[in-house]
C-alpha atoms as a PDB file:
ATOM      1  CA  MET A   1      16.749  -1.673 -18.532  1.00  0.00           C
ATOM      2  CA  PHE A   2      15.584   1.121 -16.287  1.00  0.00           C
ATOM      3  CA  PHE A   3      15.390   4.493 -17.948  1.00  0.00           C
ATOM      4  CA  TYR A   4      14.394   7.841 -16.553  1.00  0.00           C
ATOM      5  CA  HIS A   5      13.584  10.915 -18.592  1.00  0.00           C
ATOM      6  CA  PHE A   6      13.291  14.172 -16.691  1.00  0.00           C
ATOM      7  CA  GLY A   7      12.969  17.296 -18.813  1.00  0.00           C
ATOM      8  CA  ALA A   8      16.061  17.381 -20.995  1.00  0.00           C
ATOM      9  CA  PHE A   9      17.863  14.875 -18.761  1.00  0.00           C
ATOM     10  CA  MET A  10      17.868  11.238 -19.891  1.00  0.00           C
ATOM     11  CA  ILE A  11      19.399   8.285 -18.104  1.00  0.00           C
ATOM     12  CA  GLY A  12      19.707   5.331 -20.413  1.00  0.00           C
ATOM     13  CA  GLU A  13      22.566   3.534 -18.714  1.00  0.00           C
ATOM     14  CA  LYS A  14      22.174   1.179 -15.776  1.00  0.00           C
ATOM     15  CA  MET A  15      21.371   2.800 -12.465  1.00  0.00           C
ATOM     16  CA  ASP A  16      23.238   1.743  -9.307  1.00  0.00           C
ATOM     17  CA  SER A  17      20.906  -1.094  -8.348  1.00  0.00           C
ATOM     18  CA  GLN A  18      22.457  -1.597  -4.903  1.00  0.00           C
ATOM     19  CA  GLU A  19      21.921   2.061  -4.022  1.00  0.00           C
ATOM     20  CA  ILE A  20      18.284   1.883  -5.143  1.00  0.00           C
ATOM     21  CA  LEU A  21      17.777  -1.256  -3.060  1.00  0.00           C
ATOM     22  CA  ASN A  22      19.344   0.474  -0.071  1.00  0.00           C
ATOM     23  CA  ARG A  23      16.861   3.335  -0.438  1.00  0.00           C
ATOM     24  CA  LEU A  24      13.959   0.894  -0.785  1.00  0.00           C
ATOM     25  CA  MET A  25      15.033  -0.831   2.436  1.00  0.00           C
ATOM     26  CA  THR A  26      15.401   2.522   4.195  1.00  0.00           C
ATOM     27  CA  ALA A  27      11.932   3.575   3.075  1.00  0.00           C
ATOM     28  CA  TYR A  28      10.382   0.345   4.343  1.00  0.00           C
ATOM     29  CA  GLY A  29      12.454   0.366   7.518  1.00  0.00           C
ATOM     30  CA  VAL A  30      13.993  -3.040   6.876  1.00  0.00           C
ATOM     31  CA  SER A  31      17.619  -4.172   6.920  1.00  0.00           C
ATOM     32  CA  SER A  32      17.690  -7.310   4.800  1.00  0.00           C
ATOM     33  CA  GLN A  33      16.797  -8.337   1.272  1.00  0.00           C
ATOM     34  CA  LYS A  34      14.498 -11.012   2.706  1.00  0.00           C
ATOM     35  CA  SER A  35      12.465  -8.445   4.638  1.00  0.00           C
ATOM     36  CA  LEU A  36      12.403  -6.158   1.607  1.00  0.00           C
ATOM     37  CA  ALA A  37      11.083  -9.006  -0.531  1.00  0.00           C
ATOM     38  CA  GLU A  38       8.347  -9.633   2.038  1.00  0.00           C
ATOM     39  CA  ALA A  39       7.402  -5.952   2.065  1.00  0.00           C
ATOM     40  CA  LEU A  40       7.274  -5.930  -1.753  1.00  0.00           C
ATOM     41  CA  ALA A  41       5.366  -9.269  -1.815  1.00  0.00           C
ATOM     42  CA  ILE A  42       7.857 -10.829  -4.233  1.00  0.00           C
ATOM     43  CA  PRO A  43      10.196 -13.855  -4.134  1.00  0.00           C
ATOM     44  CA  ALA A  44      13.548 -13.079  -2.490  1.00  0.00           C
ATOM     45  CA  ASN A  45      15.494 -14.341  -5.520  1.00  0.00           C
ATOM     46  CA  ASN A  46      13.976 -11.510  -7.585  1.00  0.00           C
ATOM     47  CA  ILE A  47      16.134  -9.047  -5.673  1.00  0.00           C
ATOM     48  CA  SER A  48      19.335 -11.032  -6.193  1.00  0.00           C
ATOM     49  CA  GLY A  49      18.438 -11.126  -9.898  1.00  0.00           C
ATOM     50  CA  TRP A  50      18.178  -7.329  -9.979  1.00  0.00           C
ATOM     51  CA  LEU A  51      21.644  -7.044  -8.460  1.00  0.00           C
ATOM     52  CA  GLN A  52      23.101  -9.465 -10.994  1.00  0.00           C
ATOM     53  CA  ARG A  53      21.558  -7.539 -13.870  1.00  0.00           C
ATOM     54  CA  GLY A  54      22.381  -4.181 -12.338  1.00  0.00           C
ATOM     55  CA  SER A  55      18.803  -3.028 -12.926  1.00  0.00           C
ATOM     56  CA  VAL A  56      15.792  -2.509 -10.637  1.00  0.00           C
ATOM     57  CA  PRO A  57      12.404  -2.611 -12.417  1.00  0.00           C
ATOM     58  CA  GLY A  58       9.934   0.207 -12.020  1.00  0.00           C
ATOM     59  CA  ASN A  59       7.063  -1.686 -10.396  1.00  0.00           C
ATOM     60  CA  PRO A  60       8.675  -2.226  -6.959  1.00  0.00           C
ATOM     61  CA  ILE A  61       9.813   1.410  -6.884  1.00  0.00           C
ATOM     62  CA  ILE A  62       6.254   2.572  -7.585  1.00  0.00           C
ATOM     63  CA  LYS A  63       4.880   0.225  -4.940  1.00  0.00           C
ATOM     64  CA  CYS A  64       7.373   1.483  -2.357  1.00  0.00           C
ATOM     65  CA  ALA A  65       6.582   5.136  -3.081  1.00  0.00           C
ATOM     66  CA  LEU A  66       2.836   4.535  -2.766  1.00  0.00           C
ATOM     67  CA  ASP A  67       3.167   2.157   0.169  1.00  0.00           C
ATOM     68  CA  THR A  68       5.420   4.318   2.332  1.00  0.00           C
ATOM     69  CA  GLY A  69       4.924   7.869   1.042  1.00  0.00           C
ATOM     70  CA  THR A  70       8.626   8.152   0.246  1.00  0.00           C
ATOM     71  CA  ASP A  71       9.655  10.699  -2.369  1.00  0.00           C
ATOM     72  CA  LEU A  72       9.827   9.021  -5.794  1.00  0.00           C
ATOM     73  CA  ASN A  73      12.684  11.183  -7.024  1.00  0.00           C
ATOM     74  CA  TRP A  74      14.765  10.205  -3.978  1.00  0.00           C
ATOM     75  CA  LEU A  75      14.094   6.501  -4.500  1.00  0.00           C
ATOM     76  CA  VAL A  76      15.299   6.742  -8.100  1.00  0.00           C
ATOM     77  CA  THR A  77      18.167   9.222  -7.854  1.00  0.00           C
ATOM     78  CA  GLY A  78      19.055   9.612  -4.164  1.00  0.00           C
ATOM     79  CA  LYS A  79      18.241  13.327  -4.254  1.00  0.00           C
ATOM     80  CA  PHE A  80      15.727  15.177  -2.061  1.00  0.00           C
ATOM     81  CA  ALA A  81      15.571  12.371   0.481  1.00  0.00           C
ATOM     82  CA  ASN A  82      12.271  11.833   2.224  1.00  0.00           C
ATOM     83  CA  ALA A  83      12.806   8.358   3.625  1.00  0.00           C
ATOM     84  CA  ASN A  84      11.090   6.857   6.614  1.00  0.00           C
ATOM     85  CA  ILE A  85      14.283   6.426   8.647  1.00  0.00           C
ATOM     86  CA  GLY A  86      14.396   5.026  12.129  1.00  0.00           C
ATOM     87  CA  HIS A  87      11.763   2.286  12.028  1.00  0.00           C
ATOM     88  CA  GLU A  88      12.438  -0.957  13.822  1.00  0.00           C
ATOM     89  CA  VAL A  89      13.182  -3.976  11.681  1.00  0.00           C
ATOM     90  CA  PRO A  90       9.807  -5.706  11.223  1.00  0.00           C
ATOM     91  CA  LYS A  91       9.211  -9.381  11.859  1.00  0.00           C
ATOM     92  CA  GLY A  92       7.630 -10.921   8.789  1.00  0.00           C
ATOM     93  CA  VAL A  93       5.402  -8.575   6.854  1.00  0.00           C
ATOM     94  CA  PRO A  94       4.388  -5.620   9.017  1.00  0.00           C
ATOM     95  CA  SER A  95       0.680  -4.846   9.201  1.00  0.00           C
ATOM     96  CA  ARG A  96       1.207  -1.456   7.575  1.00  0.00           C
ATOM     97  CA  TYR A  97       2.430  -3.270   4.457  1.00  0.00           C
ATOM     98  CA  GLU A  98      -0.491  -5.644   4.233  1.00  0.00           C
ATOM     99  CA  LYS A  99      -2.096  -3.247   1.782  1.00  0.00           C
ATOM    100  CA  GLY A 100       0.868  -3.906  -0.506  1.00  0.00           C
ATOM    101  CA  LYS A 101      -0.576  -6.998  -2.163  1.00  0.00           C
ATOM    102  CA  ALA A 102      -3.839  -5.195  -2.882  1.00  0.00           C
ATOM    103  CA  LEU A 103      -1.891  -2.217  -4.228  1.00  0.00           C
ATOM    104  CA  ILE A 104       0.254  -4.246  -6.607  1.00  0.00           C
ATOM    105  CA  GLU A 105      -2.823  -6.124  -7.818  1.00  0.00           C
ATOM    106  CA  LYS A 106      -4.569  -2.814  -8.461  1.00  0.00           C
ATOM    107  CA  MET A 107      -1.544  -1.503 -10.361  1.00  0.00           C
ATOM    108  CA  LEU A 108      -1.226  -4.582 -12.537  1.00  0.00           C
ATOM    109  CA  SER A 109      -4.975  -4.746 -13.185  1.00  0.00           C
ATOM    110  CA  THR A 110      -4.928  -1.253 -14.674  1.00  0.00           C
ATOM    111  CA  GLY A 111      -2.192  -1.870 -17.234  1.00  0.00           C
ATOM    112  CA  GLY A 112      -2.436  -1.785 -20.979  1.00  0.00           C
ATOM    113  CA  LYS A 113      -4.750   0.804 -22.488  1.00  0.00           C
ATOM    114  CA  ALA A 114      -5.840   2.359 -19.176  1.00  0.00           C
ATOM    115  CA  VAL A 115      -2.350   3.251 -17.941  1.00  0.00           C
ATOM    116  CA  LEU A 116      -1.324   4.339 -21.442  1.00  0.00           C
ATOM    117  CA  GLN A 117      -4.228   6.802 -21.560  1.00  0.00           C
ATOM    118  CA  ARG A 118      -3.214   8.296 -18.213  1.00  0.00           C
ATOM    119  CA  VAL A 119       0.420   8.653 -19.284  1.00  0.00           C
ATOM    120  CA  MET A 120      -0.655  10.371 -22.507  1.00  0.00           C
ATOM    121  CA  ALA A 121      -3.021  12.661 -20.577  1.00  0.00           C
ATOM    122  CA  ALA A 122      -0.229  13.664 -18.191  1.00  0.00           C
ATOM    123  CA  TYR A 123       2.060  14.544 -21.107  1.00  0.00           C
ATOM    124  CA  GLY A 124      -0.737  16.194 -23.080  1.00  0.00           C
ATOM    125  CA  PHE A 125      -0.253  13.890 -26.075  1.00  0.00           C
ATOM    126  CA  ASN A 126      -3.118  12.916 -28.350  1.00  0.00           C
ATOM    127  CA  THR A 127      -1.457  10.039 -30.182  1.00  0.00           C
ATOM    128  CA  GLN A 128       0.722   7.064 -29.324  1.00  0.00           C
ATOM    129  CA  LYS A 129       3.164   8.286 -31.979  1.00  0.00           C
ATOM    130  CA  GLU A 130       3.838  11.475 -29.984  1.00  0.00           C
ATOM    131  CA  LEU A 131       4.544   9.439 -26.866  1.00  0.00           C
ATOM    132  CA  SER A 132       6.771   6.977 -28.702  1.00  0.00           C
ATOM    133  CA  GLU A 133       8.828   9.780 -30.225  1.00  0.00           C
ATOM    134  CA  TYR A 134       9.175  11.618 -26.914  1.00  0.00           C
ATOM    135  CA  LEU A 135      10.305   8.550 -24.971  1.00  0.00           C
ATOM    136  CA  ALA A 136      12.214   7.006 -27.906  1.00  0.00           C
ATOM    137  CA  ILE A 137      10.106   3.835 -27.715  1.00  0.00           C
ATOM    138  CA  SER A 138       8.760   2.121 -30.810  1.00  0.00           C
ATOM    139  CA  THR A 139       5.021   2.325 -31.492  1.00  0.00           C
ATOM    140  CA  GLY A 140       5.095  -1.471 -31.748  1.00  0.00           C
ATOM    141  CA  THR A 141       6.250  -1.701 -28.135  1.00  0.00           C
ATOM    142  CA  ILE A 142       3.434   0.582 -26.998  1.00  0.00           C
ATOM    143  CA  SER A 143       0.910  -1.460 -28.966  1.00  0.00           C
ATOM    144  CA  THR A 144       2.211  -4.559 -27.197  1.00  0.00           C
ATOM    145  CA  TRP A 145       1.476  -2.962 -23.804  1.00  0.00           C
ATOM    146  CA  VAL A 146      -2.139  -2.522 -24.853  1.00  0.00           C
ATOM    147  CA  ARG A 147      -2.501  -5.963 -26.420  1.00  0.00           C
ATOM    148  CA  ARG A 148      -0.967  -7.795 -23.447  1.00  0.00           C
ATOM    149  CA  GLU A 149      -2.430  -5.549 -20.722  1.00  0.00           C
ATOM    150  CA  TYR A 150       1.145  -4.853 -19.643  1.00  0.00           C
ATOM    151  CA  PHE A 151       1.957  -2.398 -16.830  1.00  0.00           C
ATOM    152  CA  PRO A 152       5.031  -0.355 -17.936  1.00  0.00           C
ATOM    153  CA  GLY A 153       6.417   0.554 -14.525  1.00  0.00           C
ATOM    154  CA  ASP A 154       9.526   2.302 -15.846  1.00  0.00           C
ATOM    155  CA  VAL A 155       7.426   4.536 -18.094  1.00  0.00           C
ATOM    156  CA  VAL A 156       5.048   5.359 -15.245  1.00  0.00           C
ATOM    157  CA  ILE A 157       7.992   6.490 -13.095  1.00  0.00           C
ATOM    158  CA  THR A 158       9.413   8.470 -16.010  1.00  0.00           C
ATOM    159  CA  CYS A 159       6.076  10.206 -16.545  1.00  0.00           C
ATOM    160  CA  ALA A 160       5.583  11.009 -12.849  1.00  0.00           C
ATOM    161  CA  LEU A 161       9.046  12.573 -12.549  1.00  0.00           C
ATOM    162  CA  ASP A 162       8.826  14.280 -15.919  1.00  0.00           C
ATOM    163  CA  THR A 163       5.375  15.871 -15.606  1.00  0.00           C
ATOM    164  CA  GLY A 164       4.713  16.117 -11.882  1.00  0.00           C
ATOM    165  CA  ALA A 165       1.612  13.952 -12.286  1.00  0.00           C
ATOM    166  CA  SER A 166       0.496  12.000  -9.228  1.00  0.00           C
ATOM    167  CA  LEU A 167       2.221   8.631  -9.124  1.00  0.00           C
ATOM    168  CA  GLU A 168      -0.834   7.064  -7.495  1.00  0.00           C
ATOM    169  CA  TRP A 169      -3.113   8.351 -10.261  1.00  0.00           C
ATOM    170  CA  LEU A 170      -0.786   7.177 -13.010  1.00  0.00           C
ATOM    171  CA  ALA A 171      -0.391   3.745 -11.420  1.00  0.00           C
ATOM    172  CA  THR A 172      -3.949   3.063 -10.273  1.00  0.00           C
ATOM    173  CA  GLY A 173      -6.269   5.653 -11.813  1.00  0.00           C
ATOM    174  CA  GLU A 174      -7.071   7.169  -8.420  1.00  0.00           C
ATOM    175  CA  MET A 175      -6.213  10.468  -6.724  1.00  0.00           C
ATOM    176  CA  SER A 176      -5.681  13.861  -8.338  1.00  0.00           C
ATOM    177  CA  ILE A 177      -2.919  14.934 -10.718  1.00  0.00           C
ATOM    178  CA  PRO A 178      -1.320  18.227 -11.736  1.00  0.00           C
ATOM    179  CA  LEU A 179      -0.874  18.213 -15.507  1.00  0.00           C
ATOM    180  CA  HIS A 180       1.815  19.904 -17.592  1.00  0.00           C
ATOM    181  CA  GLY A 181       3.787  21.345 -14.698  1.00  0.00           C
ATOM    182  CA  GLU A 182       0.798  22.754 -12.791  1.00  0.00           C
ATOM    183  CA  ILE A 183       1.274  23.101  -9.061  1.00  0.00           C
ATOM    184  CA  ALA A 184      -0.832  20.524  -7.250  1.00  0.00           C
ATOM    185  CA  ASN A 185      -3.698  22.085  -5.307  1.00  0.00           C
ATOM    186  CA  PRO A 186      -4.802  19.811  -2.464  1.00  0.00           C
ATOM    187  CA  GLU A 187      -8.244  21.460  -2.560  1.00  0.00           C
ATOM    188  CA  VAL A 188      -8.826  20.344  -6.159  1.00  0.00           C
ATOM    189  CA  LEU A 189      -9.663  16.700  -6.821  1.00  0.00           C
ATOM    190  CA  LEU A 190      -9.448  14.809 -10.080  1.00  0.00           C
ATOM    191  CA  ILE A 191     -12.266  12.269 -10.073  1.00  0.00           C
ATOM    192  CA  ASN A 192     -13.737   9.744 -12.474  1.00  0.00           C
ATOM    193  CA  LYS A 193     -16.376  11.101 -14.814  1.00  0.00           C
ATOM    194  CA  LYS A 194     -19.136   8.806 -16.048  1.00  0.00           C
ATOM    195  CA  ILE A 195     -22.170   9.084 -18.295  1.00  0.00           C
ATOM    196  CA  LEU A 196     -25.477   7.406 -17.480  1.00  0.00           C
ATOM    197  CA  LEU A 197     -27.077   6.344 -20.733  1.00  0.00           C
ATOM    198  CA  ALA A 198     -29.927   3.881 -21.271  1.00  0.00           C
ATOM    199  CA  GLY A 199     -29.587   2.603 -17.729  1.00  0.00           C
ATOM    200  CA  LYS A 200     -25.869   1.850 -17.983  1.00  0.00           C
ATOM    201  CA  LEU A 201     -22.784   3.660 -16.686  1.00  0.00           C
ATOM    202  CA  ALA A 202     -19.918   4.281 -19.088  1.00  0.00           C
ATOM    203  CA  ASP A 203     -16.520   5.883 -18.482  1.00  0.00           C
ATOM    204  CA  ASP A 204     -16.374   9.495 -19.652  1.00  0.00           C
ATOM    205  CA  GLY A 205     -12.877  10.607 -18.671  1.00  0.00           C
ATOM    206  CA  TYR A 206     -12.024  12.713 -15.634  1.00  0.00           C
ATOM    207  CA  CYS A 207     -12.923  16.100 -14.191  1.00  0.00           C
ATOM    208  CA  HIS A 208     -11.677  18.459 -11.492  1.00  0.00           C
ATOM    209  CA  VAL A 209     -13.835  19.234  -8.459  1.00  0.00           C
ATOM    210  CA  ASP A 210     -13.178  21.758  -5.708  1.00  0.00           C
ATOM    211  CA  GLN A 211     -13.018  19.807  -2.463  1.00  0.00           C
ATOM    212  CA  SER A 212     -14.995  22.545  -0.693  1.00  0.00           C
ATOM    213  CA  PHE A 213     -18.109  21.269  -2.520  1.00  0.00           C
ATOM    214  CA  VAL A 214     -17.705  17.845  -0.946  1.00  0.00           C
ATOM    215  CA  PRO A 215     -19.199  17.235   2.514  1.00  0.00           C
ATOM    216  CA  ALA A 216     -16.899  16.014   5.262  1.00  0.00           C
ATOM    217  CA  GLY A 217     -16.670  12.275   5.730  1.00  0.00           C
ATOM    218  CA  VAL A 218     -17.013  11.370   2.062  1.00  0.00           C
ATOM    219  CA  ASN A 219     -14.601   8.742   0.723  1.00  0.00           C
ATOM    220  CA  LEU A 220     -12.877  10.884  -1.902  1.00  0.00           C
ATOM    221  CA  LYS A 221     -11.432   7.864  -3.701  1.00  0.00           C
ATOM    222  CA  SER A 222     -14.966   6.603  -4.350  1.00  0.00           C
ATOM    223  CA  LEU A 223     -16.303   9.948  -5.582  1.00  0.00           C
ATOM    224  CA  ASN A 224     -17.543  10.056  -9.199  1.00  0.00           C
ATOM    225  CA  TYR A 225     -19.083  12.744 -11.362  1.00  0.00           C
ATOM    226  CA  VAL A 226     -22.060  11.231 -13.191  1.00  0.00           C
ATOM    227  CA  ARG A 227     -24.082  13.014 -15.877  1.00  0.00           C
ATOM    228  CA  SER A 228     -27.270  12.143 -17.691  1.00  0.00           C
ATOM    229  CA  GLY A 229     -28.988  14.602 -20.001  1.00  0.00           C
ATOM    230  CA  LYS A 230     -29.280  17.954 -18.228  1.00  0.00           C
ATOM    231  CA  SER A 231     -28.679  16.456 -14.800  1.00  0.00           C
ATOM    232  CA  SER A 232     -25.435  15.545 -13.095  1.00  0.00           C
ATOM    233  CA  TRP A 233     -24.404  14.387  -9.659  1.00  0.00           C
ATOM    234  CA  LEU A 234     -21.415  13.815  -7.415  1.00  0.00           C
ATOM    235  CA  ILE A 235     -21.865  10.238  -6.228  1.00  0.00           C
ATOM    236  CA  GLU A 236     -19.968   8.292  -3.602  1.00  0.00           C
ATOM    237  CA  MET A 237     -19.880   4.931  -5.355  1.00  0.00           C
ATOM    238  CA  GLY A 238     -20.083   1.541  -3.686  1.00  0.00           C
ATOM    239  CA  ASP A 239     -22.736  -0.780  -2.314  1.00  0.00           C
ATOM    240  CA  LYS A 240     -24.279   0.827   0.764  1.00  0.00           C
ATOM    241  CA  GLU A 241     -27.096   0.371   3.213  1.00  0.00           C
ATOM    242  CA  LEU A 242     -29.968   2.504   1.974  1.00  0.00           C
ATOM    243  CA  SER A 243     -31.080   5.532   3.971  1.00  0.00           C
ATOM    244  CA  ASN A 244     -33.165   8.602   3.206  1.00  0.00           C
ATOM    245  CA  GLY A 245     -31.655  10.637   0.388  1.00  0.00           C
ATOM    246  CA  SER A 246     -30.842  10.464  -3.307  1.00  0.00           C
ATOM    247  CA  TRP A 247     -29.287   7.249  -4.589  1.00  0.00           C
ATOM    248  CA  LEU A 248     -27.983   5.648  -7.736  1.00  0.00           C
ATOM    249  CA  LEU A 249     -30.056   2.464  -7.781  1.00  0.00           C
ATOM    250  CA  ASP A 250     -29.911  -0.696  -9.811  1.00  0.00           C
ATOM    251  CA  ILE A 251     -33.463  -1.888 -10.474  1.00  0.00           C
ATOM    252  CA  ASP A 252     -33.603  -5.115 -12.456  1.00  0.00           C
ATOM    253  CA  GLY A 253     -30.261  -4.325 -14.079  1.00  0.00           C
ATOM    254  CA  THR A 254     -31.108  -0.732 -15.026  1.00  0.00           C
ATOM    255  CA  LEU A 255     -29.368   2.182 -13.291  1.00  0.00           C
ATOM    256  CA  ASP A 256     -30.874   5.571 -12.491  1.00  0.00           C
ATOM    257  CA  VAL A 257     -30.916   8.193  -9.754  1.00  0.00           C
ATOM    258  CA  TYR A 258     -33.881   8.226  -7.369  1.00  0.00           C
ATOM    259  CA  ALA A 259     -35.015   9.997  -4.209  1.00  0.00           C
ATOM    260  CA  VAL A 260     -35.442   7.357  -1.526  1.00  0.00           C
ATOM    261  CA  SER A 261     -37.279   7.451   1.801  1.00  0.00           C
ATOM    262  CA  LYS A 262     -37.567   4.511   4.145  1.00  0.00           C
ATOM    263  CA  ARG A 263     -40.913   3.154   5.350  1.00  0.00           C
ATOM    264  CA  PRO A 264     -41.770   0.706   8.164  1.00  0.00           C
ATOM    265  CA  GLY A 265     -41.459  -2.987   7.394  1.00  0.00           C
ATOM    266  CA  ASN A 266     -38.307  -2.692   5.255  1.00  0.00           C
ATOM    267  CA  LYS A 267     -40.244  -0.759   2.645  1.00  0.00           C
ATOM    268  CA  LEU A 268     -39.015   2.108   0.478  1.00  0.00           C
ATOM    269  CA  ARG A 269     -40.782   4.989  -1.223  1.00  0.00           C
ATOM    270  CA  VAL A 270     -38.874   5.695  -4.413  1.00  0.00           C
ATOM    271  CA  ILE A 271     -39.320   8.802  -6.557  1.00  0.00           C
ATOM    272  CA  GLY A 272     -37.895   8.862 -10.068  1.00  0.00           C
ATOM    273  CA  LYS A 273     -38.390  10.856 -13.245  1.00  0.00           C
ATOM    274  CA  ASP A 274     -41.097   8.407 -14.309  1.00  0.00           C
ATOM    275  CA  GLY A 275     -43.109   8.560 -11.116  1.00  0.00           C
ATOM    276  CA  VAL A 276     -43.379   7.196  -7.570  1.00  0.00           C
ATOM    277  CA  PHE A 277     -43.493   3.597  -6.374  1.00  0.00           C
ATOM    278  CA  GLU A 278     -43.002   1.560  -3.229  1.00  0.00           C
ATOM    279  CA  CYS A 279     -40.955  -1.592  -2.894  1.00  0.00           C
ATOM    280  CA  SER A 280     -39.042  -3.726  -0.429  1.00  0.00           C
ATOM    281  CA  THR A 281     -35.425  -2.910   0.343  1.00  0.00           C
ATOM    282  CA  ASN A 282     -34.303  -6.192  -1.225  1.00  0.00           C
ATOM    283  CA  GLU A 283     -35.905  -5.304  -4.556  1.00  0.00           C
ATOM    284  CA  VAL A 284     -33.355  -2.600  -5.368  1.00  0.00           C
ATOM    285  CA  LEU A 285     -29.566  -2.475  -5.202  1.00  0.00           C
ATOM    286  CA  ALA A 286     -27.789   0.654  -3.984  1.00  0.00           C
ATOM    287  CA  LYS A 287     -24.813   1.530  -6.199  1.00  0.00           C
ATOM    288  CA  GLY A 288     -23.917   4.908  -4.723  1.00  0.00           C
ATOM    289  CA  LEU A 289     -25.070   7.774  -2.523  1.00  0.00           C
ATOM    290  CA  VAL A 290     -25.658  11.130  -4.233  1.00  0.00           C
ATOM    291  CA  ILE A 291     -23.572  13.732  -2.409  1.00  0.00           C
ATOM    292  CA  VAL A 292     -24.269  16.789  -4.590  1.00  0.00           C
ATOM    293  CA  ILE A 293     -27.022  17.347  -7.171  1.00  0.00           C
ATOM    294  CA  LEU A 294     -26.189  19.606 -10.142  1.00  0.00           C
ATOM    295  CA  GLU A 295     -28.923  20.773 -12.484  1.00  0.00           C
ATOM    296  CA  ASN A 296     -28.601  22.538 -15.839  1.00  0.00           C
ATOM    297  CA  ALA A 297     -30.803  25.642 -15.763  1.00  0.00           C
ATOM    298  CA  ILE A 298     -31.025  25.840 -19.584  1.00  0.00           C
END
C-alpha cells in the first residue's frame, strides 16, 4: 500500500495508480508501459501488476524524480506539475536514462540502517519509537528494515514531502538537505563528515559547508569533511593521479594527510607530521585531494 503523510494530511487509501503511471510516462517522455519499464529498468509485467493492485510502489517514483528532475509532489499527487513534456518517444532505453540502473543500485545499497538514520535526521527524531508513532508504523517493521537492509521507498517519499528534505539525499546519502522546514540554500552544502583515527576513516555524520569556500571545478558529491585531532580538511575523495599539493594517502594500509611534491623519475617527496621521506609513486595510494586545510588555533 502506498501512503503519503504531508503535515496533517494523510493518504492511507489507494492512490490512482493509472494517473501516477501517466505522470511517470510524461516525466520520462514515453508513451507506452514497455518504454516506461525500460526507463525504470524493471520487467514490464511489474507495471501491469501495479495496475491490478491499484498501487504504485515508492521506489520507481523516487527513481523517476531523481532521473528526470520532475517535481516529486506532482508525481505523487498531480499538483504543481513540473513534467518534462514534449520529448520524442525514445527507442529502447535512451542514453539519458542509462544512469538509471546505477541510481537504483545506489538507492537499494543504502537501505536499512543508513536510510533510516537519514529519515530520522530529516524529521529531527532521536529514536525509532518517535518515527514509528509519527508514521503509525510498528517498531517491529522498522527493525525489519534494518535487519534486512530494506529500502522503504514509500517512507522516503513521505519524508521528502513532509519535511522538505532533499529526495536525493534521503535516497542515496548524497546532496544537501533542508531540515525541519528550512528553506534550501543552494550555496550551503551538506557533506559527509569523517574522523581519521589510528590511520582509518570512520563515518562521523554530516556537516554544512558554504559553497563559497570550495574552489571551482571540485566534484561536490565527492567532497568530505575529515577531522583528526586539531586538524581538519575538506577533501575531494576518490583515487586520483598524484600532483603537487596536500593529499590523503594510503601508505601500507594506513591513512593520513601529507604534503606531496613530485620529483623526476616518478619519485615523490612526502612531508607528514612524523617527518619527510621520498618514495616512488607506486608505493603510495592517493585516496583524495585536500581542497581546504582548516587548523584549530587553540
